[in-house]
PDB file of all heavy atoms in Angstrom:
ATOM      1  N   LEU A   1     -15.283   0.704 -18.876  1.00  0.00           N
ATOM      2  CA  LEU A   1     -14.154   1.534 -18.438  1.00  0.00           C
ATOM      3  C   LEU A   1     -14.349   2.994 -18.845  1.00  0.00           C
ATOM      4  O   LEU A   1     -13.934   3.898 -18.121  1.00  0.00           O
ATOM      5  CB  LEU A   1     -12.842   0.994 -19.005  1.00  0.00           C
ATOM      6  CG  LEU A   1     -12.339  -0.297 -18.358  1.00  0.00           C
ATOM      7  CD1 LEU A   1     -11.236  -0.926 -19.199  1.00  0.00           C
ATOM      8  CD2 LEU A   1     -11.869  -0.037 -16.934  1.00  0.00           C
ATOM      9  N   GLY A   2     -14.998   3.237 -19.976  1.00  0.00           N
ATOM     10  CA  GLY A   2     -15.307   4.607 -20.384  1.00  0.00           C
ATOM     11  C   GLY A   2     -16.258   5.279 -19.411  1.00  0.00           C
ATOM     12  O   GLY A   2     -16.085   6.449 -19.063  1.00  0.00           O
ATOM     13  N   VAL A   3     -17.258   4.532 -18.954  1.00  0.00           N
ATOM     14  CA  VAL A   3     -18.200   5.072 -17.954  1.00  0.00           C
ATOM     15  C   VAL A   3     -17.460   5.357 -16.651  1.00  0.00           C
ATOM     16  O   VAL A   3     -17.635   6.426 -16.042  1.00  0.00           O
ATOM     17  CB  VAL A   3     -19.380   4.099 -17.739  1.00  0.00           C
ATOM     18  CG1 VAL A   3     -20.237   4.537 -16.561  1.00  0.00           C
ATOM     19  CG2 VAL A   3     -20.225   3.994 -19.007  1.00  0.00           C
ATOM     20  N   VAL A   4     -16.615   4.429 -16.224  1.00  0.00           N
ATOM     21  CA  VAL A   4     -15.823   4.630 -14.992  1.00  0.00           C
ATOM     22  C   VAL A   4     -14.916   5.856 -15.139  1.00  0.00           C
ATOM     23  O   VAL A   4     -14.829   6.687 -14.236  1.00  0.00           O
ATOM     24  CB  VAL A   4     -14.980   3.369 -14.667  1.00  0.00           C
ATOM     25  CG1 VAL A   4     -13.935   3.656 -13.605  1.00  0.00           C
ATOM     26  CG2 VAL A   4     -15.885   2.232 -14.235  1.00  0.00           C
ATOM     27  N   ALA A   5     -14.254   5.966 -16.292  1.00  0.00           N
ATOM     28  CA  ALA A   5     -13.355   7.102 -16.515  1.00  0.00           C
ATOM     29  C   ALA A   5     -14.125   8.419 -16.476  1.00  0.00           C
ATOM     30  O   ALA A   5     -13.678   9.385 -15.846  1.00  0.00           O
ATOM     31  CB  ALA A   5     -12.633   6.943 -17.856  1.00  0.00           C
ATOM     32  N   GLY A   6     -15.266   8.459 -17.129  1.00  0.00           N
ATOM     33  CA  GLY A   6     -16.048   9.696 -17.156  1.00  0.00           C
ATOM     34  C   GLY A   6     -16.513  10.132 -15.787  1.00  0.00           C
ATOM     35  O   GLY A   6     -16.337  11.293 -15.391  1.00  0.00           O
ATOM     36  N   TRP A   7     -17.094   9.229 -15.052  1.00  0.00           N
ATOM     37  CA  TRP A   7     -17.616   9.606 -13.739  1.00  0.00           C
ATOM     38  C   TRP A   7     -16.511   9.820 -12.721  1.00  0.00           C
ATOM     39  O   TRP A   7     -16.647  10.648 -11.813  1.00  0.00           O
ATOM     40  CB  TRP A   7     -18.662   8.604 -13.255  1.00  0.00           C
ATOM     41  CG  TRP A   7     -19.901   8.746 -14.073  1.00  0.00           C
ATOM     42  CD1 TRP A   7     -20.422   7.836 -14.943  1.00  0.00           C
ATOM     43  CD2 TRP A   7     -20.739   9.899 -14.156  1.00  0.00           C
ATOM     44  NE1 TRP A   7     -21.543   8.357 -15.556  1.00  0.00           N
ATOM     45  CE2 TRP A   7     -21.760   9.617 -15.100  1.00  0.00           C
ATOM     46  CE3 TRP A   7     -20.735  11.147 -13.541  1.00  0.00           C
ATOM     47  CZ2 TRP A   7     -22.752  10.532 -15.424  1.00  0.00           C
ATOM     48  CZ3 TRP A   7     -21.732  12.060 -13.875  1.00  0.00           C
ATOM     49  CH2 TRP A   7     -22.725  11.747 -14.800  1.00  0.00           C
ATOM     50  N   SER A   8     -15.375   9.144 -12.876  1.00  0.00           N
ATOM     51  CA  SER A   8     -14.235   9.401 -11.989  1.00  0.00           C
ATOM     52  C   SER A   8     -13.687  10.801 -12.231  1.00  0.00           C
ATOM     53  O   SER A   8     -13.360  11.525 -11.293  1.00  0.00           O
ATOM     54  CB  SER A   8     -13.131   8.376 -12.215  1.00  0.00           C
ATOM     55  OG  SER A   8     -13.579   7.093 -11.913  1.00  0.00           O
ATOM     56  N   ARG A   9     -13.576  11.175 -13.492  1.00  0.00           N
ATOM     57  CA  ARG A   9     -13.098  12.521 -13.814  1.00  0.00           C
ATOM     58  C   ARG A   9     -14.093  13.571 -13.316  1.00  0.00           C
ATOM     59  O   ARG A   9     -13.710  14.635 -12.822  1.00  0.00           O
ATOM     60  CB  ARG A   9     -12.871  12.647 -15.321  1.00  0.00           C
ATOM     61  CG  ARG A   9     -12.486  14.025 -15.779  1.00  0.00           C
ATOM     62  CD  ARG A   9     -11.091  14.437 -15.322  1.00  0.00           C
ATOM     63  NE  ARG A   9     -10.787  15.747 -15.878  1.00  0.00           N
ATOM     64  CZ  ARG A   9     -10.338  16.760 -15.172  1.00  0.00           C
ATOM     65  NH1 ARG A   9     -10.063  16.617 -13.891  1.00  0.00           N
ATOM     66  NH2 ARG A   9     -10.108  17.921 -15.738  1.00  0.00           N
ATOM     67  N   TYR A  10     -15.385  13.269 -13.431  1.00  0.00           N
ATOM     68  CA  TYR A  10     -16.408  14.185 -12.925  1.00  0.00           C
ATOM     69  C   TYR A  10     -16.227  14.393 -11.412  1.00  0.00           C
ATOM     70  O   TYR A  10     -16.270  15.522 -10.920  1.00  0.00           O
ATOM     71  CB  TYR A  10     -17.800  13.635 -13.230  1.00  0.00           C
ATOM     72  CG  TYR A  10     -18.921  14.506 -12.737  1.00  0.00           C
ATOM     73  CD1 TYR A  10     -19.331  15.614 -13.469  1.00  0.00           C
ATOM     74  CD2 TYR A  10     -19.562  14.235 -11.534  1.00  0.00           C
ATOM     75  CE1 TYR A  10     -20.362  16.428 -13.026  1.00  0.00           C
ATOM     76  CE2 TYR A  10     -20.589  15.044 -11.081  1.00  0.00           C
ATOM     77  CZ  TYR A  10     -20.985  16.136 -11.828  1.00  0.00           C
ATOM     78  OH  TYR A  10     -21.995  16.930 -11.372  1.00  0.00           O
ATOM     79  N   LEU A  11     -16.009  13.305 -10.699  1.00  0.00           N
ATOM     80  CA  LEU A  11     -15.775  13.425  -9.252  1.00  0.00           C
ATOM     81  C   LEU A  11     -14.503  14.211  -8.953  1.00  0.00           C
ATOM     82  O   LEU A  11     -14.472  15.024  -8.024  1.00  0.00           O
ATOM     83  CB  LEU A  11     -15.690  12.043  -8.607  1.00  0.00           C
ATOM     84  CG  LEU A  11     -16.998  11.300  -8.439  1.00  0.00           C
ATOM     85  CD1 LEU A  11     -16.741   9.882  -7.921  1.00  0.00           C
ATOM     86  CD2 LEU A  11     -17.924  12.050  -7.495  1.00  0.00           C
ATOM     87  N   GLU A  12     -13.462  13.966  -9.743  1.00  0.00           N
ATOM     88  CA  GLU A  12     -12.212  14.701  -9.534  1.00  0.00           C
ATOM     89  C   GLU A  12     -12.434  16.209  -9.677  1.00  0.00           C
ATOM     90  O   GLU A  12     -11.916  16.999  -8.889  1.00  0.00           O
ATOM     91  CB  GLU A  12     -11.155  14.230 -10.539  1.00  0.00           C
ATOM     92  CG  GLU A  12      -9.832  14.952 -10.395  1.00  0.00           C
ATOM     93  CD  GLU A  12      -8.856  14.625 -11.497  1.00  0.00           C
ATOM     94  OE1 GLU A  12      -9.283  14.196 -12.594  1.00  0.00           O
ATOM     95  OE2 GLU A  12      -7.650  14.835 -11.270  1.00  0.00           O
ATOM     96  N   VAL A  13     -13.217  16.601 -10.663  1.00  0.00           N
ATOM     97  CA  VAL A  13     -13.488  18.016 -10.901  1.00  0.00           C
ATOM     98  C   VAL A  13     -14.366  18.600  -9.796  1.00  0.00           C
ATOM     99  O   VAL A  13     -14.163  19.736  -9.364  1.00  0.00           O
ATOM    100  CB  VAL A  13     -14.172  18.203 -12.283  1.00  0.00           C
ATOM    101  CG1 VAL A  13     -14.700  19.610 -12.457  1.00  0.00           C
ATOM    102  CG2 VAL A  13     -13.203  17.850 -13.399  1.00  0.00           C
ATOM    103  N   ARG A  14     -15.322  17.826  -9.304  1.00  0.00           N
ATOM    104  CA  ARG A  14     -16.303  18.325  -8.340  1.00  0.00           C
ATOM    105  C   ARG A  14     -15.832  18.299  -6.878  1.00  0.00           C
ATOM    106  O   ARG A  14     -16.277  19.122  -6.087  1.00  0.00           O
ATOM    107  CB  ARG A  14     -17.593  17.500  -8.425  1.00  0.00           C
ATOM    108  CG  ARG A  14     -18.336  17.626  -9.735  1.00  0.00           C
ATOM    109  CD  ARG A  14     -19.034  18.917  -9.862  1.00  0.00           C
ATOM    110  NE  ARG A  14     -20.033  19.041  -8.807  1.00  0.00           N
ATOM    111  CZ  ARG A  14     -20.857  20.030  -8.695  1.00  0.00           C
ATOM    112  NH1 ARG A  14     -20.848  20.989  -9.570  1.00  0.00           N
ATOM    113  NH2 ARG A  14     -21.724  20.093  -7.717  1.00  0.00           N
ATOM    114  N   LEU A  15     -14.989  17.331  -6.540  1.00  0.00           N
ATOM    115  CA  LEU A  15     -14.589  17.194  -5.135  1.00  0.00           C
ATOM    116  C   LEU A  15     -13.654  18.317  -4.703  1.00  0.00           C
ATOM    117  O   LEU A  15     -12.905  18.866  -5.508  1.00  0.00           O
ATOM    118  CB  LEU A  15     -13.890  15.846  -4.923  1.00  0.00           C
ATOM    119  CG  LEU A  15     -14.791  14.616  -4.949  1.00  0.00           C
ATOM    120  CD1 LEU A  15     -13.964  13.343  -4.893  1.00  0.00           C
ATOM    121  CD2 LEU A  15     -15.792  14.642  -3.808  1.00  0.00           C
ATOM    122  N   PRO A  16     -13.684  18.637  -3.401  1.00  0.00           N
ATOM    123  CA  PRO A  16     -12.775  19.673  -2.902  1.00  0.00           C
ATOM    124  C   PRO A  16     -11.312  19.212  -2.963  1.00  0.00           C
ATOM    125  O   PRO A  16     -11.022  18.015  -3.009  1.00  0.00           O
ATOM    126  CB  PRO A  16     -13.218  19.880  -1.451  1.00  0.00           C
ATOM    127  CG  PRO A  16     -14.162  18.802  -1.130  1.00  0.00           C
ATOM    128  CD  PRO A  16     -14.570  18.121  -2.388  1.00  0.00           C
ATOM    129  N   GLU A  17     -10.429  20.178  -2.988  1.00  0.00           N
ATOM    130  CA  GLU A  17      -8.988  19.911  -3.012  1.00  0.00           C
ATOM    131  C   GLU A  17      -8.618  18.955  -1.873  1.00  0.00           C
ATOM    132  O   GLU A  17      -9.097  19.093  -0.761  1.00  0.00           O
ATOM    133  CB  GLU A  17      -8.240  21.238  -2.831  1.00  0.00           C
ATOM    134  CG  GLU A  17      -6.839  21.255  -3.347  1.00  0.00           C
ATOM    135  CD  GLU A  17      -6.742  21.167  -4.858  1.00  0.00           C
ATOM    136  OE1 GLU A  17      -7.602  21.735  -5.552  1.00  0.00           O
ATOM    137  OE2 GLU A  17      -5.816  20.522  -5.340  1.00  0.00           O
ATOM    138  N   GLY A  18      -7.809  17.969  -2.162  1.00  0.00           N
ATOM    139  CA  GLY A  18      -7.401  16.999  -1.157  1.00  0.00           C
ATOM    140  C   GLY A  18      -8.199  15.707  -1.198  1.00  0.00           C
ATOM    141  O   GLY A  18      -7.753  14.691  -0.680  1.00  0.00           O
ATOM    142  N   GLU A  19      -9.370  15.730  -1.786  1.00  0.00           N
ATOM    143  CA  GLU A  19     -10.201  14.520  -1.888  1.00  0.00           C
ATOM    144  C   GLU A  19     -10.257  13.991  -3.324  1.00  0.00           C
ATOM    145  O   GLU A  19     -11.066  13.128  -3.629  1.00  0.00           O
ATOM    146  CB  GLU A  19     -11.620  14.820  -1.400  1.00  0.00           C
ATOM    147  CG  GLU A  19     -11.696  15.180   0.066  1.00  0.00           C
ATOM    148  CD  GLU A  19     -13.129  15.440   0.493  1.00  0.00           C
ATOM    149  OE1 GLU A  19     -14.054  14.868  -0.107  1.00  0.00           O
ATOM    150  OE2 GLU A  19     -13.325  16.228   1.432  1.00  0.00           O
ATOM    151  N   GLN A  20      -9.382  14.490  -4.165  1.00  0.00           N
ATOM    152  CA  GLN A  20      -9.437  14.153  -5.583  1.00  0.00           C
ATOM    153  C   GLN A  20      -8.509  13.019  -5.984  1.00  0.00           C
ATOM    154  O   GLN A  20      -8.545  12.583  -7.129  1.00  0.00           O
ATOM    155  CB  GLN A  20      -9.078  15.390  -6.414  1.00  0.00           C
ATOM    156  CG  GLN A  20      -9.993  16.553  -6.171  1.00  0.00           C
ATOM    157  CD  GLN A  20      -9.447  17.823  -6.782  1.00  0.00           C
ATOM    158  OE1 GLN A  20      -8.258  17.987  -6.941  1.00  0.00           O
ATOM    159  NE2 GLN A  20     -10.340  18.736  -7.109  1.00  0.00           N
ATOM    160  N   LYS A  21      -7.705  12.520  -5.076  1.00  0.00           N
ATOM    161  CA  LYS A  21      -6.661  11.559  -5.443  1.00  0.00           C
ATOM    162  C   LYS A  21      -7.232  10.253  -6.005  1.00  0.00           C
ATOM    163  O   LYS A  21      -6.796   9.796  -7.072  1.00  0.00           O
ATOM    164  CB  LYS A  21      -5.776  11.267  -4.234  1.00  0.00           C
ATOM    165  CG  LYS A  21      -4.545  10.489  -4.585  1.00  0.00           C
ATOM    166  CD  LYS A  21      -3.584  10.414  -3.424  1.00  0.00           C
ATOM    167  CE  LYS A  21      -2.297   9.778  -3.902  1.00  0.00           C
ATOM    168  NZ  LYS A  21      -1.237   9.861  -2.938  1.00  0.00           N
ATOM    169  N   ALA A  22      -8.184   9.644  -5.341  1.00  0.00           N
ATOM    170  CA  ALA A  22      -8.729   8.356  -5.802  1.00  0.00           C
ATOM    171  C   ALA A  22      -9.422   8.480  -7.162  1.00  0.00           C
ATOM    172  O   ALA A  22      -9.121   7.705  -8.078  1.00  0.00           O
ATOM    173  CB  ALA A  22      -9.677   7.771  -4.756  1.00  0.00           C
ATOM    174  N   PRO A  23     -10.337   9.449  -7.346  1.00  0.00           N
ATOM    175  CA  PRO A  23     -10.946   9.559  -8.677  1.00  0.00           C
ATOM    176  C   PRO A  23      -9.940   9.938  -9.763  1.00  0.00           C
ATOM    177  O   PRO A  23     -10.058   9.517 -10.906  1.00  0.00           O
ATOM    178  CB  PRO A  23     -12.018  10.627  -8.526  1.00  0.00           C
ATOM    179  CG  PRO A  23     -11.980  11.101  -7.144  1.00  0.00           C
ATOM    180  CD  PRO A  23     -10.959  10.343  -6.390  1.00  0.00           C
ATOM    181  N   SER A  24      -8.927  10.724  -9.386  1.00  0.00           N
ATOM    182  CA  SER A  24      -7.904  11.108 -10.351  1.00  0.00           C
ATOM    183  C   SER A  24      -7.162   9.877 -10.872  1.00  0.00           C
ATOM    184  O   SER A  24      -6.914   9.735 -12.070  1.00  0.00           O
ATOM    185  CB  SER A  24      -6.922  12.085  -9.702  1.00  0.00           C
ATOM    186  OG  SER A  24      -5.860  12.374 -10.577  1.00  0.00           O
ATOM    187  N   TRP A  25      -6.821   8.986  -9.976  1.00  0.00           N
ATOM    188  CA  TRP A  25      -6.156   7.743 -10.378  1.00  0.00           C
ATOM    189  C   TRP A  25      -7.106   6.824 -11.126  1.00  0.00           C
ATOM    190  O   TRP A  25      -6.710   6.152 -12.079  1.00  0.00           O
ATOM    191  CB  TRP A  25      -5.589   7.020  -9.152  1.00  0.00           C
ATOM    192  CG  TRP A  25      -4.231   7.515  -8.794  1.00  0.00           C
ATOM    193  CD1 TRP A  25      -3.920   8.403  -7.807  1.00  0.00           C
ATOM    194  CD2 TRP A  25      -3.005   7.176  -9.433  1.00  0.00           C
ATOM    195  NE1 TRP A  25      -2.564   8.633  -7.797  1.00  0.00           N
ATOM    196  CE2 TRP A  25      -1.984   7.882  -8.784  1.00  0.00           C
ATOM    197  CE3 TRP A  25      -2.678   6.346 -10.496  1.00  0.00           C
ATOM    198  CZ2 TRP A  25      -0.653   7.784  -9.159  1.00  0.00           C
ATOM    199  CZ3 TRP A  25      -1.349   6.245 -10.871  1.00  0.00           C
ATOM    200  CH2 TRP A  25      -0.358   6.959 -10.211  1.00  0.00           C
ATOM    201  N   ALA A  26      -8.354   6.776 -10.715  1.00  0.00           N
ATOM    202  CA  ALA A  26      -9.321   5.849 -11.318  1.00  0.00           C
ATOM    203  C   ALA A  26      -9.508   6.125 -12.808  1.00  0.00           C
ATOM    204  O   ALA A  26      -9.489   5.202 -13.624  1.00  0.00           O
ATOM    205  CB  ALA A  26     -10.666   5.931 -10.587  1.00  0.00           C
ATOM    206  N   TRP A  27      -9.695   7.392 -13.201  1.00  0.00           N
ATOM    207  CA  TRP A  27      -9.932   7.653 -14.626  1.00  0.00           C
ATOM    208  C   TRP A  27      -8.662   7.440 -15.434  1.00  0.00           C
ATOM    209  O   TRP A  27      -8.721   6.990 -16.576  1.00  0.00           O
ATOM    210  CB  TRP A  27     -10.582   9.000 -14.871  1.00  0.00           C
ATOM    211  CG  TRP A  27      -9.731  10.230 -14.781  1.00  0.00           C
ATOM    212  CD1 TRP A  27      -9.608  11.073 -13.715  1.00  0.00           C
ATOM    213  CD2 TRP A  27      -8.926  10.792 -15.821  1.00  0.00           C
ATOM    214  NE1 TRP A  27      -8.765  12.104 -14.020  1.00  0.00           N
ATOM    215  CE2 TRP A  27      -8.331  11.960 -15.312  1.00  0.00           C
ATOM    216  CE3 TRP A  27      -8.638  10.420 -17.135  1.00  0.00           C
ATOM    217  CZ2 TRP A  27      -7.462  12.758 -16.055  1.00  0.00           C
ATOM    218  CZ3 TRP A  27      -7.778  11.214 -17.878  1.00  0.00           C
ATOM    219  CH2 TRP A  27      -7.203  12.365 -17.342  1.00  0.00           C
ATOM    220  N   ARG A  28      -7.512   7.719 -14.851  1.00  0.00           N
ATOM    221  CA  ARG A  28      -6.255   7.490 -15.578  1.00  0.00           C
ATOM    222  C   ARG A  28      -6.011   5.998 -15.796  1.00  0.00           C
ATOM    223  O   ARG A  28      -5.618   5.578 -16.890  1.00  0.00           O
ATOM    224  CB  ARG A  28      -5.101   8.133 -14.831  1.00  0.00           C
ATOM    225  CG  ARG A  28      -5.097   9.642 -14.920  1.00  0.00           C
ATOM    226  CD  ARG A  28      -3.988  10.248 -14.050  1.00  0.00           C
ATOM    227  NE  ARG A  28      -3.807  11.649 -14.297  1.00  0.00           N
ATOM    228  CZ  ARG A  28      -4.445  12.622 -13.661  1.00  0.00           C
ATOM    229  NH1 ARG A  28      -5.327  12.333 -12.738  1.00  0.00           N
ATOM    230  NH2 ARG A  28      -4.211  13.879 -13.951  1.00  0.00           N
ATOM    231  N   VAL A  29      -6.240   5.203 -14.760  1.00  0.00           N
ATOM    232  CA  VAL A  29      -6.083   3.748 -14.882  1.00  0.00           C
ATOM    233  C   VAL A  29      -7.079   3.187 -15.888  1.00  0.00           C
ATOM    234  O   VAL A  29      -6.733   2.323 -16.709  1.00  0.00           O
ATOM    235  CB  VAL A  29      -6.234   3.060 -13.494  1.00  0.00           C
ATOM    236  CG1 VAL A  29      -6.346   1.559 -13.631  1.00  0.00           C
ATOM    237  CG2 VAL A  29      -5.051   3.425 -12.595  1.00  0.00           C
ATOM    238  N   ALA A  30      -8.312   3.698 -15.870  1.00  0.00           N
ATOM    239  CA  ALA A  30      -9.325   3.243 -16.828  1.00  0.00           C
ATOM    240  C   ALA A  30      -8.868   3.513 -18.260  1.00  0.00           C
ATOM    241  O   ALA A  30      -9.011   2.655 -19.139  1.00  0.00           O
ATOM    242  CB  ALA A  30     -10.668   3.920 -16.552  1.00  0.00           C
ATOM    243  N   PHE A  31      -8.282   4.675 -18.506  1.00  0.00           N
ATOM    244  CA  PHE A  31      -7.806   4.984 -19.860  1.00  0.00           C
ATOM    245  C   PHE A  31      -6.629   4.098 -20.265  1.00  0.00           C
ATOM    246  O   PHE A  31      -6.540   3.671 -21.420  1.00  0.00           O
ATOM    247  CB  PHE A  31      -7.434   6.463 -19.968  1.00  0.00           C
ATOM    248  CG  PHE A  31      -8.530   7.304 -20.551  1.00  0.00           C
ATOM    249  CD1 PHE A  31      -9.771   7.362 -19.937  1.00  0.00           C
ATOM    250  CD2 PHE A  31      -8.344   8.010 -21.711  1.00  0.00           C
ATOM    251  CE1 PHE A  31     -10.791   8.110 -20.464  1.00  0.00           C
ATOM    252  CE2 PHE A  31      -9.363   8.777 -22.258  1.00  0.00           C
ATOM    253  CZ  PHE A  31     -10.586   8.826 -21.633  1.00  0.00           C
ATOM    254  N   VAL A  32      -5.739   3.810 -19.341  1.00  0.00           N
ATOM    255  CA  VAL A  32      -4.624   2.899 -19.643  1.00  0.00           C
ATOM    256  C   VAL A  32      -5.154   1.508 -19.967  1.00  0.00           C
ATOM    257  O   VAL A  32      -4.706   0.860 -20.925  1.00  0.00           O
ATOM    258  CB  VAL A  32      -3.607   2.856 -18.473  1.00  0.00           C
ATOM    259  CG1 VAL A  32      -2.614   1.726 -18.640  1.00  0.00           C
ATOM    260  CG2 VAL A  32      -2.887   4.194 -18.362  1.00  0.00           C
ATOM    261  N   LEU A  33      -6.124   1.045 -19.202  1.00  0.00           N
ATOM    262  CA  LEU A  33      -6.718  -0.264 -19.467  1.00  0.00           C
ATOM    263  C   LEU A  33      -7.425  -0.302 -20.823  1.00  0.00           C
ATOM    264  O   LEU A  33      -7.328  -1.301 -21.548  1.00  0.00           O
ATOM    265  CB  LEU A  33      -7.677  -0.656 -18.341  1.00  0.00           C
ATOM    266  CG  LEU A  33      -7.021  -0.960 -16.998  1.00  0.00           C
ATOM    267  CD1 LEU A  33      -8.083  -1.172 -15.920  1.00  0.00           C
ATOM    268  CD2 LEU A  33      -6.102  -2.158 -17.101  1.00  0.00           C
ATOM    269  N   ILE A  34      -8.096   0.778 -21.179  1.00  0.00           N
ATOM    270  CA  ILE A  34      -8.717   0.853 -22.506  1.00  0.00           C
ATOM    271  C   ILE A  34      -7.637   0.746 -23.582  1.00  0.00           C
ATOM    272  O   ILE A  34      -7.792   0.022 -24.573  1.00  0.00           O
ATOM    273  CB  ILE A  34      -9.528   2.156 -22.670  1.00  0.00           C
ATOM    274  CG1 ILE A  34     -10.790   2.103 -21.805  1.00  0.00           C
ATOM    275  CG2 ILE A  34      -9.892   2.398 -24.137  1.00  0.00           C
ATOM    276  CD1 ILE A  34     -11.528   3.430 -21.710  1.00  0.00           C
TER     277      ILE A  34
END
């Protein structure tokens, strides 16, 4: 989950505005699960 959170956050930072929703949720959910 730490790996998923890290790379999801990386995608959120790198993706253009409007395409960040899925990675944004993915790293947050990963942290809640941790």
